[in-house]
PDB file of N, CA and C in Angstrom:
ATOM      1  N   UNK A   1     -61.177  59.556   9.285  1.00  0.00           N
ATOM      2  CA  UNK A   1     -60.298  58.728   8.459  1.00  0.00           C
ATOM      3  C   UNK A   1     -59.018  59.476   8.085  1.00  0.00           C
ATOM      4  N   UNK A   2     -59.123  60.771   7.813  1.00  0.00           N
ATOM      5  CA  UNK A   2     -57.946  61.550   7.400  1.00  0.00           C
ATOM      6  C   UNK A   2     -56.908  61.600   8.517  1.00  0.00           C
ATOM      7  N   UNK A   3     -57.352  61.797   9.752  1.00  0.00           N
ATOM      8  CA  UNK A   3     -56.417  61.850  10.877  1.00  0.00           C
ATOM      9  C   UNK A   3     -55.636  60.544  10.991  1.00  0.00           C
ATOM     10  N   UNK A   4     -56.333  59.424  10.808  1.00  0.00           N
ATOM     11  CA  UNK A   4     -55.675  58.115  10.879  1.00  0.00           C
ATOM     12  C   UNK A   4     -54.649  57.988   9.761  1.00  0.00           C
ATOM     13  N   UNK A   5     -55.017  58.418   8.555  1.00  0.00           N
ATOM     14  CA  UNK A   5     -54.101  58.353   7.408  1.00  0.00           C
ATOM     15  C   UNK A   5     -52.868  59.221   7.658  1.00  0.00           C
ATOM     16  N   UNK A   6     -53.086  60.425   8.193  1.00  0.00           N
ATOM     17  CA  UNK A   6     -51.968  61.332   8.493  1.00  0.00           C
ATOM     18  C   UNK A   6     -51.043  60.709   9.543  1.00  0.00           C
ATOM     19  N   UNK A   7     -51.651  60.125  10.562  1.00  0.00           N
ATOM     20  CA  UNK A   7     -50.868  59.501  11.626  1.00  0.00           C
ATOM     21  C   UNK A   7     -50.070  58.328  11.064  1.00  0.00           C
ATOM     22  N   UNK A   8     -50.721  57.531  10.210  1.00  0.00           N
ATOM     23  CA  UNK A   8     -50.049  56.378   9.613  1.00  0.00           C
ATOM     24  C   UNK A   8     -48.876  56.831   8.758  1.00  0.00           C
ATOM     25  N   UNK A   9     -49.087  57.864   7.955  1.00  0.00           N
ATOM     26  CA  UNK A   9     -48.011  58.390   7.104  1.00  0.00           C
ATOM     27  C   UNK A   9     -46.854  58.883   7.971  1.00  0.00           C
ATOM     28  N   UNK A  10     -47.180  59.581   9.038  1.00  0.00           N
ATOM     29  CA  UNK A  10     -46.149  60.072   9.955  1.00  0.00           C
ATOM     30  C   UNK A  10     -45.390  58.911  10.593  1.00  0.00           C
ATOM     31  N   UNK A  11     -46.122  57.827  10.921  1.00  0.00           N
ATOM     32  CA  UNK A  11     -45.475  56.644  11.490  1.00  0.00           C
ATOM     33  C   UNK A  11     -44.521  56.018  10.485  1.00  0.00           C
ATOM     34  N   UNK A  12     -44.949  55.937   9.223  1.00  0.00           N
ATOM     35  CA  UNK A  12     -44.097  55.379   8.169  1.00  0.00           C
ATOM     36  C   UNK A  12     -42.817  56.198   8.047  1.00  0.00           C
ATOM     37  N   UNK A  13     -42.973  57.527   8.071  1.00  0.00           N
ATOM     38  CA  UNK A  13     -41.811  58.421   8.013  1.00  0.00           C
ATOM     39  C   UNK A  13     -40.916  58.183   9.234  1.00  0.00           C
ATOM     40  N   UNK A  14     -41.542  58.068  10.400  1.00  0.00           N
ATOM     41  CA  UNK A  14     -40.785  57.837  11.636  1.00  0.00           C
ATOM     42  C   UNK A  14     -40.006  56.532  11.554  1.00  0.00           C
ATOM     43  N   UNK A  15     -40.642  55.487  11.035  1.00  0.00           N
ATOM     44  CA  UNK A  15     -39.979  54.188  10.913  1.00  0.00           C
ATOM     45  C   UNK A  15     -38.840  54.272   9.902  1.00  0.00           C
ATOM     46  N   UNK A  16     -39.097  54.922   8.756  1.00  0.00           N
ATOM     47  CA  UNK A  16     -38.091  55.009   7.692  1.00  0.00           C
ATOM     48  C   UNK A  16     -36.894  55.866   8.105  1.00  0.00           C
ATOM     49  N   UNK A  17     -37.172  57.035   8.696  1.00  0.00           N
ATOM     50  CA  UNK A  17     -36.107  57.993   8.995  1.00  0.00           C
ATOM     51  C   UNK A  17     -35.483  57.716  10.366  1.00  0.00           C
ATOM     52  N   UNK A  18     -36.339  57.549  11.374  1.00  0.00           N
ATOM     53  CA  UNK A  18     -35.856  57.421  12.750  1.00  0.00           C
ATOM     54  C   UNK A  18     -35.634  55.962  13.153  1.00  0.00           C
ATOM     55  N   UNK A  19     -36.149  55.033  12.348  1.00  0.00           N
ATOM     56  CA  UNK A  19     -36.023  53.596  12.620  1.00  0.00           C
ATOM     57  C   UNK A  19     -36.607  53.235  13.984  1.00  0.00           C
ATOM     58  N   UNK A  20     -37.804  53.755  14.234  1.00  0.00           N
ATOM     59  CA  UNK A  20     -38.526  53.420  15.456  1.00  0.00           C
ATOM     60  C   UNK A  20     -39.861  52.782  15.088  1.00  0.00           C
ATOM     61  N   UNK A  21     -40.364  51.931  15.974  1.00  0.00           N
ATOM     62  CA  UNK A  21     -41.585  51.184  15.684  1.00  0.00           C
ATOM     63  C   UNK A  21     -42.512  51.190  16.898  1.00  0.00           C
ATOM     64  N   UNK A  22     -43.719  50.685  16.697  1.00  0.00           N
ATOM     65  CA  UNK A  22     -44.667  50.488  17.788  1.00  0.00           C
ATOM     66  C   UNK A  22     -45.077  51.785  18.462  1.00  0.00           C
ATOM     67  N   UNK A  23     -45.173  51.738  19.798  1.00  0.00           N
ATOM     68  CA  UNK A  23     -45.629  52.888  20.581  1.00  0.00           C
ATOM     69  C   UNK A  23     -44.762  54.113  20.333  1.00  0.00           C
ATOM     70  N   UNK A  24     -43.457  53.928  20.228  1.00  0.00           N
ATOM     71  CA  UNK A  24     -42.551  55.062  20.014  1.00  0.00           C
ATOM     72  C   UNK A  24     -42.864  55.755  18.701  1.00  0.00           C
ATOM     73  N   UNK A  25     -43.171  54.972  17.667  1.00  0.00           N
ATOM     74  CA  UNK A  25     -43.510  55.551  16.368  1.00  0.00           C
ATOM     75  C   UNK A  25     -44.810  56.341  16.450  1.00  0.00           C
ATOM     76  N   UNK A  26     -45.792  55.803  17.190  1.00  0.00           N
ATOM     77  CA  UNK A  26     -47.066  56.507  17.356  1.00  0.00           C
ATOM     78  C   UNK A  26     -46.839  57.818  18.100  1.00  0.00           C
ATOM     79  N   UNK A  27     -46.077  57.760  19.187  1.00  0.00           N
ATOM     80  CA  UNK A  27     -45.781  58.967  19.970  1.00  0.00           C
ATOM     81  C   UNK A  27     -45.019  59.983  19.132  1.00  0.00           C
ATOM     82  N   UNK A  28     -44.066  59.498  18.333  1.00  0.00           N
ATOM     83  CA  UNK A  28     -43.305  60.370  17.437  1.00  0.00           C
ATOM     84  C   UNK A  28     -44.234  61.021  16.421  1.00  0.00           C
ATOM     85  N   UNK A  29     -45.152  60.218  15.880  1.00  0.00           N
ATOM     86  CA  UNK A  29     -46.095  60.718  14.879  1.00  0.00           C
ATOM     87  C   UNK A  29     -46.980  61.811  15.469  1.00  0.00           C
ATOM     88  N   UNK A  30     -47.474  61.584  16.686  1.00  0.00           N
ATOM     89  CA  UNK A  30     -48.329  62.576  17.348  1.00  0.00           C
ATOM     90  C   UNK A  30     -47.527  63.848  17.625  1.00  0.00           C
ATOM     91  N   UNK A  31     -46.286  63.678  18.078  1.00  0.00           N
ATOM     92  CA  UNK A  31     -45.436  64.819  18.432  1.00  0.00           C
ATOM     93  C   UNK A  31     -45.087  65.654  17.204  1.00  0.00           C
ATOM     94  N   UNK A  32     -44.961  64.988  16.051  1.00  0.00           N
ATOM     95  CA  UNK A  32     -44.478  65.664  14.847  1.00  0.00           C
ATOM     96  C   UNK A  32     -45.551  65.756  13.764  1.00  0.00           C
ATOM     97  N   UNK A  33     -46.783  66.104  14.176  1.00  0.00           N
ATOM     98  CA  UNK A  33     -47.884  66.259  13.212  1.00  0.00           C
ATOM     99  C   UNK A  33     -47.544  67.325  12.193  1.00  0.00           C
TER     100      UNK A  33
END
């Protein structure tokens, strides 16, 4: 559950800062753990 929460938080940051969504946000989140 923690990994999912961390990934989700990273995606939110990616969307807010980088303005990216969907697969790109997930890839960004994984890249920037």
